[in-house]
Amino acid sequence: MQNLLSIDVIKECKKGNSMAQHMVYKQHASAMYSISVRIVGNTGEAEDVVQQSFIQAFSKLYKLDDESLFGPWLKKIVVNNSIDKLRRRKVQFLSLDDDHHSVMALYSAPTEIIENRTDTVECIKQAILQLPDGYRSILSLYLIEGYDHSEISEILGISESTSRSQYARAKIKLREILKNNFKIQR
C-alpha cells in the first residue's frame, strides 16, 4: 500500500503538484543529504547539492518511465551532483598503476579496529569526514552506497585500478585517523 501511495505521489509530482513535490522532498531529503555529505564532506555544499538535485529531478521527472524507481533515480542524481561538486574543487585521484605491488599491499581486507565502543558509528562518521575529498568519495561510493570499482571508475572518470588503490589508501588513512583522533586500539 505504501508503494502505491508513493507511485501516486510521484505521478502528481509529474503533473507539477507542489504539495506532492513537498511530500516527496520531505520523504527523501534527509537520506539524500546523508549521501551527499558523505561524498562532499561539507554540510553547506551537501545542502546545495540536495537542493540542486531535487530541482533537477522535478524538472526532468517526465523522463522517468517507472515511478517506482524514483528513489534510486534521485540517488543517482545526488551522487552525480556530489561528484560534480568535488570535481569543481579539482579533486585529484592519483593512479598507482605503475606501482602494482604497493597497490596489492594496500588493498587488503579491512580488519576490526574498534572494539567495545558504544559510539562506534559516530566515530567512524567523523573520521570519514576528515579524509581527503578523493579518498572520502571513493570510500563512500564503495562501502556506503554499494557501487563497485567499475561503476566508480565510470562515475569519476578514473581507471578501476585507481579506484581500487584510492579505496585501499582511504582505508589506511581512515585507520590512522581513528587510531590517532579517537585513541582506538587495533
N, C-alpha and C. Protein backbone atom coordinates (compact mmCIF):
# COMPACT_ATOMS: atom_id res chain seq x y z
N MET A 1 0.84 -1.19 0.00
CA MET A 1 0.00 0.00 0.00
C MET A 1 0.88 1.25 0.00
N GLN A 2 2.00 1.25 0.79
CA GLN A 2 2.91 2.39 0.84
C GLN A 2 3.51 2.66 -0.53
N ASN A 3 3.87 1.60 -1.26
CA ASN A 3 4.47 1.76 -2.59
C ASN A 3 3.48 2.41 -3.55
N LEU A 4 2.21 2.00 -3.48
CA LEU A 4 1.21 2.60 -4.35
C LEU A 4 1.03 4.08 -4.04
N LEU A 5 1.03 4.43 -2.75
CA LEU A 5 0.91 5.83 -2.37
C LEU A 5 2.08 6.62 -2.94
N SER A 6 3.29 6.09 -2.84
CA SER A 6 4.47 6.77 -3.36
C SER A 6 4.38 6.94 -4.87
N ILE A 7 3.93 5.92 -5.56
CA ILE A 7 3.79 6.00 -7.01
C ILE A 7 2.77 7.07 -7.38
N ASP A 8 1.64 7.11 -6.66
CA ASP A 8 0.64 8.14 -6.92
C ASP A 8 1.20 9.54 -6.65
N VAL A 9 1.99 9.68 -5.60
CA VAL A 9 2.57 10.98 -5.28
C VAL A 9 3.55 11.39 -6.38
N ILE A 10 4.34 10.46 -6.87
CA ILE A 10 5.28 10.77 -7.95
C ILE A 10 4.52 11.16 -9.22
N LYS A 11 3.42 10.48 -9.47
CA LYS A 11 2.60 10.85 -10.63
C LYS A 11 2.08 12.28 -10.48
N GLU A 12 1.68 12.65 -9.27
CA GLU A 12 1.22 14.02 -9.02
C GLU A 12 2.37 15.01 -9.20
N CYS A 13 3.57 14.62 -8.80
CA CYS A 13 4.74 15.48 -9.00
C CYS A 13 4.97 15.73 -10.48
N LYS A 14 4.78 14.70 -11.28
CA LYS A 14 4.93 14.84 -12.73
C LYS A 14 3.97 15.88 -13.29
N LYS A 15 2.81 16.00 -12.65
CA LYS A 15 1.81 16.98 -13.08
C LYS A 15 2.12 18.38 -12.56
N GLY A 16 3.18 18.50 -11.75
CA GLY A 16 3.57 19.80 -11.21
C GLY A 16 2.90 20.16 -9.90
N ASN A 17 2.30 19.19 -9.23
CA ASN A 17 1.62 19.42 -7.95
C ASN A 17 2.67 19.74 -6.88
N SER A 18 2.70 20.99 -6.41
CA SER A 18 3.71 21.42 -5.45
C SER A 18 3.56 20.74 -4.09
N MET A 19 2.33 20.41 -3.69
CA MET A 19 2.13 19.70 -2.43
C MET A 19 2.76 18.31 -2.50
N ALA A 20 2.57 17.64 -3.63
CA ALA A 20 3.17 16.32 -3.82
C ALA A 20 4.70 16.43 -3.83
N GLN A 21 5.22 17.46 -4.49
CA GLN A 21 6.67 17.66 -4.52
C GLN A 21 7.21 17.89 -3.11
N HIS A 22 6.49 18.64 -2.32
CA HIS A 22 6.90 18.87 -0.94
C HIS A 22 6.91 17.56 -0.15
N MET A 23 5.89 16.73 -0.36
CA MET A 23 5.84 15.43 0.32
C MET A 23 7.04 14.57 -0.06
N VAL A 24 7.35 14.55 -1.36
CA VAL A 24 8.49 13.75 -1.83
C VAL A 24 9.78 14.30 -1.25
N TYR A 25 9.90 15.61 -1.24
CA TYR A 25 11.09 16.25 -0.67
C TYR A 25 11.27 15.84 0.80
N LYS A 26 10.20 15.96 1.58
CA LYS A 26 10.27 15.61 3.00
C LYS A 26 10.62 14.15 3.20
N GLN A 27 10.13 13.29 2.32
CA GLN A 27 10.36 11.86 2.44
C GLN A 27 11.80 11.49 2.11
N HIS A 28 12.44 12.19 1.17
CA HIS A 28 13.76 11.78 0.67
C HIS A 28 14.91 12.70 1.04
N ALA A 29 14.65 13.91 1.49
CA ALA A 29 15.71 14.90 1.68
C ALA A 29 16.78 14.45 2.67
N SER A 30 16.38 13.90 3.77
CA SER A 30 17.35 13.50 4.80
C SER A 30 18.31 12.43 4.28
N ALA A 31 17.78 11.43 3.63
CA ALA A 31 18.64 10.36 3.09
C ALA A 31 19.56 10.89 2.00
N MET A 32 19.04 11.77 1.15
CA MET A 32 19.87 12.33 0.07
C MET A 32 20.96 13.24 0.63
N TYR A 33 20.63 13.97 1.70
CA TYR A 33 21.62 14.81 2.36
C TYR A 33 22.74 13.94 2.93
N SER A 34 22.38 12.84 3.57
CA SER A 34 23.39 11.94 4.14
C SER A 34 24.34 11.42 3.07
N ILE A 35 23.78 11.05 1.94
CA ILE A 35 24.61 10.56 0.83
C ILE A 35 25.57 11.66 0.39
N SER A 36 25.05 12.84 0.18
CA SER A 36 25.87 13.94 -0.33
C SER A 36 26.95 14.36 0.65
N VAL A 37 26.61 14.47 1.92
CA VAL A 37 27.60 14.92 2.90
C VAL A 37 28.73 13.90 3.04
N ARG A 38 28.42 12.61 2.86
CA ARG A 38 29.47 11.60 2.91
C ARG A 38 30.42 11.75 1.73
N ILE A 39 29.93 12.23 0.62
CA ILE A 39 30.78 12.36 -0.56
C ILE A 39 31.53 13.70 -0.56
N VAL A 40 30.82 14.80 -0.34
CA VAL A 40 31.47 16.11 -0.42
C VAL A 40 32.13 16.53 0.88
N GLY A 41 31.68 15.98 2.01
CA GLY A 41 32.32 16.24 3.29
C GLY A 41 32.09 17.63 3.86
N ASN A 42 31.11 18.33 3.33
CA ASN A 42 30.83 19.69 3.79
C ASN A 42 29.32 19.85 3.86
N THR A 43 28.82 20.24 5.02
CA THR A 43 27.37 20.30 5.19
C THR A 43 26.71 21.35 4.30
N GLY A 44 27.33 22.49 4.16
CA GLY A 44 26.75 23.54 3.31
C GLY A 44 26.70 23.12 1.86
N GLU A 45 27.78 22.52 1.38
CA GLU A 45 27.80 22.06 -0.01
C GLU A 45 26.81 20.92 -0.21
N ALA A 46 26.69 20.05 0.78
CA ALA A 46 25.73 18.94 0.68
C ALA A 46 24.31 19.47 0.59
N GLU A 47 23.99 20.50 1.37
CA GLU A 47 22.66 21.10 1.29
C GLU A 47 22.41 21.67 -0.10
N ASP A 48 23.43 22.34 -0.65
CA ASP A 48 23.30 22.88 -2.01
C ASP A 48 23.08 21.77 -3.03
N VAL A 49 23.83 20.70 -2.88
CA VAL A 49 23.70 19.57 -3.81
C VAL A 49 22.29 18.99 -3.74
N VAL A 50 21.77 18.81 -2.55
CA VAL A 50 20.42 18.24 -2.39
C VAL A 50 19.38 19.14 -3.03
N GLN A 51 19.47 20.43 -2.77
CA GLN A 51 18.51 21.37 -3.37
C GLN A 51 18.59 21.32 -4.89
N GLN A 52 19.81 21.38 -5.39
CA GLN A 52 20.02 21.32 -6.85
C GLN A 52 19.48 20.01 -7.42
N SER A 53 19.70 18.92 -6.70
CA SER A 53 19.27 17.61 -7.18
C SER A 53 17.75 17.49 -7.23
N PHE A 54 17.06 18.01 -6.23
CA PHE A 54 15.60 17.97 -6.25
C PHE A 54 15.05 18.84 -7.38
N ILE A 55 15.62 20.01 -7.56
CA ILE A 55 15.18 20.88 -8.66
C ILE A 55 15.37 20.16 -9.99
N GLN A 56 16.53 19.55 -10.15
CA GLN A 56 16.82 18.80 -11.37
C GLN A 56 15.87 17.63 -11.54
N ALA A 57 15.63 16.90 -10.47
CA ALA A 57 14.75 15.73 -10.54
C ALA A 57 13.32 16.14 -10.91
N PHE A 58 12.80 17.17 -10.24
CA PHE A 58 11.44 17.59 -10.53
C PHE A 58 11.30 18.16 -11.94
N SER A 59 12.34 18.81 -12.43
CA SER A 59 12.25 19.38 -13.78
C SER A 59 12.41 18.31 -14.87
N LYS A 60 13.01 17.18 -14.53
CA LYS A 60 13.21 16.11 -15.51
C LYS A 60 12.40 14.86 -15.19
N LEU A 61 11.46 15.00 -14.30
CA LEU A 61 10.66 13.86 -13.86
C LEU A 61 9.91 13.19 -15.01
N TYR A 62 9.58 13.97 -16.03
CA TYR A 62 8.87 13.42 -17.19
C TYR A 62 9.69 12.32 -17.89
N LYS A 63 11.00 12.30 -17.68
CA LYS A 63 11.87 11.29 -18.30
C LYS A 63 11.80 9.94 -17.58
N LEU A 64 11.28 9.94 -16.36
CA LEU A 64 11.21 8.72 -15.56
C LEU A 64 9.95 7.94 -15.95
N ASP A 65 10.15 6.79 -16.57
CA ASP A 65 9.02 5.98 -17.04
C ASP A 65 8.34 5.20 -15.91
N ASP A 66 9.12 4.71 -14.97
CA ASP A 66 8.59 3.88 -13.89
C ASP A 66 8.70 4.64 -12.57
N GLU A 67 7.57 5.13 -12.08
CA GLU A 67 7.55 5.94 -10.87
C GLU A 67 8.12 5.22 -9.66
N SER A 68 8.06 3.89 -9.66
CA SER A 68 8.58 3.14 -8.52
C SER A 68 10.10 3.23 -8.42
N LEU A 69 10.74 3.70 -9.48
CA LEU A 69 12.20 3.82 -9.49
C LEU A 69 12.67 5.23 -9.11
N PHE A 70 11.76 6.05 -8.58
CA PHE A 70 12.13 7.43 -8.26
C PHE A 70 13.28 7.49 -7.26
N GLY A 71 13.23 6.72 -6.19
CA GLY A 71 14.27 6.75 -5.15
C GLY A 71 15.66 6.49 -5.70
N PRO A 72 15.86 5.36 -6.39
CA PRO A 72 17.18 5.09 -6.97
C PRO A 72 17.60 6.14 -8.02
N TRP A 73 16.65 6.63 -8.78
CA TRP A 73 16.93 7.66 -9.78
C TRP A 73 17.39 8.94 -9.09
N LEU A 74 16.71 9.34 -8.05
CA LEU A 74 17.10 10.53 -7.30
C LEU A 74 18.48 10.34 -6.66
N LYS A 75 18.72 9.16 -6.12
CA LYS A 75 20.02 8.86 -5.51
C LYS A 75 21.14 9.03 -6.53
N LYS A 76 20.91 8.55 -7.73
CA LYS A 76 21.93 8.67 -8.78
C LYS A 76 22.19 10.14 -9.11
N ILE A 77 21.13 10.94 -9.14
CA ILE A 77 21.29 12.38 -9.40
C ILE A 77 22.11 13.02 -8.28
N VAL A 78 21.82 12.67 -7.03
CA VAL A 78 22.54 13.23 -5.89
C VAL A 78 24.01 12.81 -5.93
N VAL A 79 24.27 11.55 -6.20
CA VAL A 79 25.66 11.08 -6.27
C VAL A 79 26.40 11.82 -7.38
N ASN A 80 25.79 11.91 -8.57
CA ASN A 80 26.45 12.60 -9.68
C ASN A 80 26.69 14.07 -9.37
N ASN A 81 25.72 14.74 -8.78
CA ASN A 81 25.89 16.15 -8.43
C ASN A 81 26.95 16.33 -7.34
N SER A 82 27.02 15.39 -6.41
CA SER A 82 28.05 15.45 -5.37
C SER A 82 29.44 15.30 -5.98
N ILE A 83 29.57 14.35 -6.89
CA ILE A 83 30.86 14.15 -7.57
C ILE A 83 31.20 15.39 -8.40
N ASP A 84 30.23 15.97 -9.06
CA ASP A 84 30.48 17.20 -9.82
C ASP A 84 30.97 18.32 -8.90
N LYS A 85 30.41 18.39 -7.71
CA LYS A 85 30.84 19.40 -6.73
C LYS A 85 32.31 19.18 -6.38
N LEU A 86 32.70 17.92 -6.20
CA LEU A 86 34.10 17.61 -5.92
C LEU A 86 34.99 17.97 -7.11
N ARG A 87 34.53 17.67 -8.30
CA ARG A 87 35.32 18.00 -9.49
C ARG A 87 35.57 19.50 -9.60
N ARG A 88 34.56 20.28 -9.24
CA ARG A 88 34.74 21.73 -9.28
C ARG A 88 35.79 22.18 -8.28
N ARG A 89 35.99 21.38 -7.24
CA ARG A 89 37.06 21.66 -6.28
C ARG A 89 38.40 21.13 -6.78
N LYS A 90 38.35 20.48 -7.93
CA LYS A 90 39.54 19.92 -8.57
C LYS A 90 40.19 18.82 -7.72
N VAL A 91 39.38 17.90 -7.24
CA VAL A 91 39.89 16.75 -6.51
C VAL A 91 40.71 15.90 -7.46
N GLN A 92 41.87 15.51 -7.01
CA GLN A 92 42.75 14.68 -7.82
C GLN A 92 42.69 13.24 -7.34
N PHE A 93 42.54 12.33 -8.27
CA PHE A 93 42.58 10.92 -7.97
C PHE A 93 43.88 10.39 -8.55
N LEU A 94 44.79 9.99 -7.69
CA LEU A 94 46.10 9.55 -8.12
C LEU A 94 46.06 8.09 -8.52
N SER A 95 46.73 7.79 -9.60
CA SER A 95 46.81 6.41 -10.07
C SER A 95 48.06 5.75 -9.52
N LEU A 96 47.93 4.51 -9.14
CA LEU A 96 49.08 3.73 -8.70
C LEU A 96 49.39 2.63 -9.71
N ASP A 97 48.98 2.83 -10.96
CA ASP A 97 49.18 1.80 -11.97
C ASP A 97 50.63 1.37 -12.08
N ASP A 98 51.56 2.29 -11.88
CA ASP A 98 52.98 1.98 -12.03
C ASP A 98 53.55 1.23 -10.85
N ASP A 99 52.85 1.21 -9.74
CA ASP A 99 53.37 0.59 -8.53
C ASP A 99 52.41 -0.50 -8.06
N HIS A 100 52.27 -1.53 -8.88
CA HIS A 100 51.31 -2.60 -8.65
C HIS A 100 51.51 -3.28 -7.29
N HIS A 101 52.74 -3.48 -6.88
CA HIS A 101 52.98 -4.17 -5.61
C HIS A 101 52.51 -3.34 -4.42
N SER A 102 52.67 -2.02 -4.52
CA SER A 102 52.18 -1.16 -3.45
C SER A 102 50.66 -1.23 -3.36
N VAL A 103 50.03 -1.27 -4.52
CA VAL A 103 48.57 -1.36 -4.54
C VAL A 103 48.13 -2.64 -3.87
N MET A 104 48.76 -3.75 -4.21
CA MET A 104 48.35 -5.03 -3.64
C MET A 104 48.60 -5.06 -2.13
N ALA A 105 49.67 -4.43 -1.68
CA ALA A 105 49.94 -4.38 -0.24
C ALA A 105 48.90 -3.54 0.47
N LEU A 106 48.46 -2.46 -0.16
CA LEU A 106 47.47 -1.59 0.46
C LEU A 106 46.08 -2.19 0.42
N TYR A 107 45.79 -2.97 -0.61
CA TYR A 107 44.44 -3.46 -0.83
C TYR A 107 44.24 -4.79 -0.12
N SER A 108 44.11 -4.70 1.18
CA SER A 108 43.86 -5.91 1.96
C SER A 108 42.49 -5.79 2.60
N ALA A 109 41.97 -6.89 3.07
CA ALA A 109 40.65 -6.87 3.70
C ALA A 109 40.70 -6.03 4.96
N PRO A 110 39.65 -5.28 5.24
CA PRO A 110 39.65 -4.44 6.45
C PRO A 110 39.67 -5.30 7.70
N THR A 111 40.37 -4.82 8.71
CA THR A 111 40.41 -5.54 9.98
C THR A 111 39.56 -4.79 10.99
N GLU A 112 39.16 -5.49 12.01
CA GLU A 112 38.35 -4.86 13.06
C GLU A 112 39.24 -3.93 13.86
N ILE A 113 38.90 -2.63 13.88
CA ILE A 113 39.75 -1.66 14.58
C ILE A 113 39.04 -1.03 15.76
N ILE A 114 37.80 -1.33 15.93
CA ILE A 114 37.07 -0.72 17.03
C ILE A 114 36.42 -1.84 17.84
N GLU A 115 36.67 -1.82 19.13
CA GLU A 115 36.11 -2.85 19.98
C GLU A 115 35.42 -2.22 21.18
N ASN A 116 34.28 -2.76 21.53
CA ASN A 116 33.56 -2.37 22.74
C ASN A 116 33.31 -0.86 22.83
N ARG A 117 32.86 -0.25 21.75
CA ARG A 117 32.57 1.18 21.76
C ARG A 117 31.08 1.37 21.49
N THR A 118 30.45 2.20 22.29
CA THR A 118 29.04 2.48 22.06
C THR A 118 28.86 3.58 21.04
N ASP A 119 29.91 4.37 20.82
CA ASP A 119 29.82 5.48 19.88
C ASP A 119 30.57 5.19 18.58
N THR A 120 30.66 3.93 18.22
CA THR A 120 31.43 3.50 17.07
C THR A 120 30.98 4.19 15.78
N VAL A 121 29.72 4.20 15.50
CA VAL A 121 29.22 4.76 14.26
C VAL A 121 29.57 6.24 14.16
N GLU A 122 29.38 6.98 15.24
CA GLU A 122 29.69 8.41 15.22
C GLU A 122 31.19 8.64 15.03
N CYS A 123 32.02 7.82 15.66
CA CYS A 123 33.47 7.94 15.50
C CYS A 123 33.86 7.73 14.03
N ILE A 124 33.28 6.71 13.43
CA ILE A 124 33.61 6.41 12.03
C ILE A 124 33.12 7.53 11.12
N LYS A 125 31.91 8.03 11.34
CA LYS A 125 31.39 9.14 10.53
C LYS A 125 32.31 10.34 10.59
N GLN A 126 32.73 10.69 11.81
CA GLN A 126 33.63 11.84 11.97
C GLN A 126 34.98 11.60 11.30
N ALA A 127 35.48 10.39 11.40
CA ALA A 127 36.76 10.07 10.77
C ALA A 127 36.65 10.12 9.25
N ILE A 128 35.55 9.64 8.69
CA ILE A 128 35.35 9.69 7.24
C ILE A 128 35.33 11.13 6.76
N LEU A 129 34.71 12.01 7.52
CA LEU A 129 34.66 13.42 7.13
C LEU A 129 36.04 14.07 7.14
N GLN A 130 36.99 13.49 7.86
CA GLN A 130 38.35 14.03 7.91
C GLN A 130 39.22 13.55 6.75
N LEU A 131 38.74 12.56 6.00
CA LEU A 131 39.51 12.06 4.87
C LEU A 131 39.60 13.12 3.77
N PRO A 132 40.69 13.11 3.00
CA PRO A 132 40.74 13.99 1.83
C PRO A 132 39.58 13.68 0.89
N ASP A 133 39.17 14.65 0.10
CA ASP A 133 37.98 14.51 -0.76
C ASP A 133 38.00 13.25 -1.62
N GLY A 134 39.09 13.00 -2.30
CA GLY A 134 39.16 11.84 -3.19
C GLY A 134 38.98 10.53 -2.45
N TYR A 135 39.66 10.38 -1.33
CA TYR A 135 39.53 9.18 -0.52
C TYR A 135 38.10 9.02 -0.02
N ARG A 136 37.56 10.12 0.51
CA ARG A 136 36.22 10.07 1.11
C ARG A 136 35.17 9.70 0.06
N SER A 137 35.29 10.27 -1.13
CA SER A 137 34.26 9.99 -2.14
C SER A 137 34.31 8.53 -2.58
N ILE A 138 35.49 7.99 -2.80
CA ILE A 138 35.58 6.59 -3.23
C ILE A 138 35.15 5.66 -2.10
N LEU A 139 35.60 5.93 -0.89
CA LEU A 139 35.20 5.09 0.25
C LEU A 139 33.68 5.11 0.42
N SER A 140 33.08 6.28 0.32
CA SER A 140 31.63 6.40 0.47
C SER A 140 30.89 5.69 -0.65
N LEU A 141 31.34 5.90 -1.88
CA LEU A 141 30.67 5.25 -3.01
C LEU A 141 30.77 3.73 -2.91
N TYR A 142 31.94 3.22 -2.51
CA TYR A 142 32.14 1.76 -2.47
C TYR A 142 31.48 1.13 -1.25
N LEU A 143 31.83 1.61 -0.07
CA LEU A 143 31.35 0.96 1.16
C LEU A 143 29.91 1.31 1.51
N ILE A 144 29.55 2.56 1.37
CA ILE A 144 28.26 3.00 1.87
C ILE A 144 27.18 2.95 0.81
N GLU A 145 27.50 3.42 -0.39
CA GLU A 145 26.50 3.46 -1.45
C GLU A 145 26.43 2.17 -2.26
N GLY A 146 27.44 1.30 -2.14
CA GLY A 146 27.39 -0.02 -2.76
C GLY A 146 27.80 -0.09 -4.22
N TYR A 147 28.46 0.94 -4.72
CA TYR A 147 28.95 0.89 -6.09
C TYR A 147 30.19 0.01 -6.14
N ASP A 148 30.40 -0.68 -7.27
CA ASP A 148 31.64 -1.44 -7.42
C ASP A 148 32.69 -0.55 -8.09
N HIS A 149 33.92 -1.03 -8.17
CA HIS A 149 35.00 -0.20 -8.71
C HIS A 149 34.80 0.14 -10.18
N SER A 150 34.15 -0.72 -10.91
CA SER A 150 33.85 -0.43 -12.31
C SER A 150 32.90 0.76 -12.42
N GLU A 151 31.86 0.76 -11.60
CA GLU A 151 30.90 1.86 -11.60
C GLU A 151 31.55 3.16 -11.11
N ILE A 152 32.38 3.05 -10.08
CA ILE A 152 33.07 4.23 -9.55
C ILE A 152 33.99 4.82 -10.61
N SER A 153 34.67 3.95 -11.34
CA SER A 153 35.59 4.45 -12.38
C SER A 153 34.83 5.22 -13.45
N GLU A 154 33.63 4.75 -13.79
CA GLU A 154 32.79 5.46 -14.76
C GLU A 154 32.30 6.79 -14.20
N ILE A 155 31.82 6.78 -12.97
CA ILE A 155 31.29 7.99 -12.35
C ILE A 155 32.37 9.07 -12.25
N LEU A 156 33.56 8.67 -11.82
CA LEU A 156 34.62 9.63 -11.56
C LEU A 156 35.55 9.87 -12.75
N GLY A 157 35.43 9.05 -13.79
CA GLY A 157 36.31 9.21 -14.94
C GLY A 157 37.74 8.82 -14.64
N ILE A 158 37.91 7.75 -13.85
CA ILE A 158 39.23 7.25 -13.50
C ILE A 158 39.27 5.77 -13.85
N SER A 159 40.47 5.18 -13.80
CA SER A 159 40.57 3.74 -14.08
C SER A 159 40.10 2.94 -12.86
N GLU A 160 39.77 1.68 -13.11
CA GLU A 160 39.37 0.81 -12.00
C GLU A 160 40.51 0.63 -11.02
N SER A 161 41.74 0.52 -11.53
CA SER A 161 42.88 0.34 -10.62
C SER A 161 43.09 1.58 -9.75
N THR A 162 42.82 2.75 -10.30
CA THR A 162 42.91 3.97 -9.49
C THR A 162 41.84 3.95 -8.41
N SER A 163 40.64 3.52 -8.76
CA SER A 163 39.57 3.42 -7.77
C SER A 163 39.97 2.46 -6.66
N ARG A 164 40.50 1.31 -7.04
CA ARG A 164 40.92 0.32 -6.04
C ARG A 164 42.05 0.85 -5.16
N SER A 165 43.03 1.49 -5.76
CA SER A 165 44.16 1.98 -4.98
C SER A 165 43.74 3.13 -4.06
N GLN A 166 42.87 4.00 -4.54
CA GLN A 166 42.39 5.09 -3.69
C GLN A 166 41.54 4.54 -2.54
N TYR A 167 40.77 3.51 -2.81
CA TYR A 167 39.99 2.87 -1.76
C TYR A 167 40.92 2.26 -0.71
N ALA A 168 41.96 1.58 -1.17
CA ALA A 168 42.92 0.98 -0.24
C ALA A 168 43.61 2.04 0.60
N ARG A 169 44.02 3.12 -0.03
CA ARG A 169 44.66 4.20 0.71
C ARG A 169 43.68 4.87 1.66
N ALA A 170 42.44 4.97 1.25
CA ALA A 170 41.41 5.57 2.11
C ALA A 170 41.23 4.73 3.38
N LYS A 171 41.23 3.41 3.23
CA LYS A 171 41.08 2.54 4.40
C LYS A 171 42.25 2.73 5.37
N ILE A 172 43.45 2.82 4.82
CA ILE A 172 44.63 3.01 5.67
C ILE A 172 44.56 4.35 6.38
N LYS A 173 44.21 5.38 5.65
CA LYS A 173 44.10 6.72 6.23
C LYS A 173 43.00 6.75 7.28
N LEU A 174 41.88 6.08 7.02
CA LEU A 174 40.79 6.02 7.99
C LEU A 174 41.24 5.34 9.27
N ARG A 175 41.99 4.26 9.14
CA ARG A 175 42.53 3.58 10.34
C ARG A 175 43.41 4.53 11.14
N GLU A 176 44.27 5.28 10.43
CA GLU A 176 45.16 6.23 11.11
C GLU A 176 44.36 7.29 11.86
N ILE A 177 43.36 7.83 11.20
CA ILE A 177 42.53 8.86 11.82
C ILE A 177 41.84 8.31 13.06
N LEU A 178 41.26 7.12 12.92
CA LEU A 178 40.57 6.52 14.06
C LEU A 178 41.54 6.26 15.21
N LYS A 179 42.71 5.76 14.88
CA LYS A 179 43.70 5.44 15.91
C LYS A 179 44.20 6.72 16.59
N ASN A 180 44.51 7.74 15.81
CA ASN A 180 45.07 8.98 16.36
C ASN A 180 44.04 9.85 17.04
N ASN A 181 42.91 10.07 16.40
CA ASN A 181 41.93 11.01 16.92
C ASN A 181 41.03 10.43 18.00
N PHE A 182 40.77 9.16 17.93
CA PHE A 182 39.81 8.56 18.85
C PHE A 182 40.44 7.54 19.78
N LYS A 183 41.76 7.48 19.75
CA LYS A 183 42.51 6.59 20.66
C LYS A 183 41.96 5.17 20.64
N ILE A 184 41.73 4.67 19.42
CA ILE A 184 41.18 3.32 19.27
C ILE A 184 42.33 2.36 19.04
N GLN A 185 42.32 1.28 19.75
CA GLN A 185 43.38 0.29 19.64
C GLN A 185 43.07 -0.72 18.56
N ARG A 186 44.09 -1.17 17.88
CA ARG A 186 43.93 -2.22 16.86
C ARG A 186 43.92 -3.57 17.47
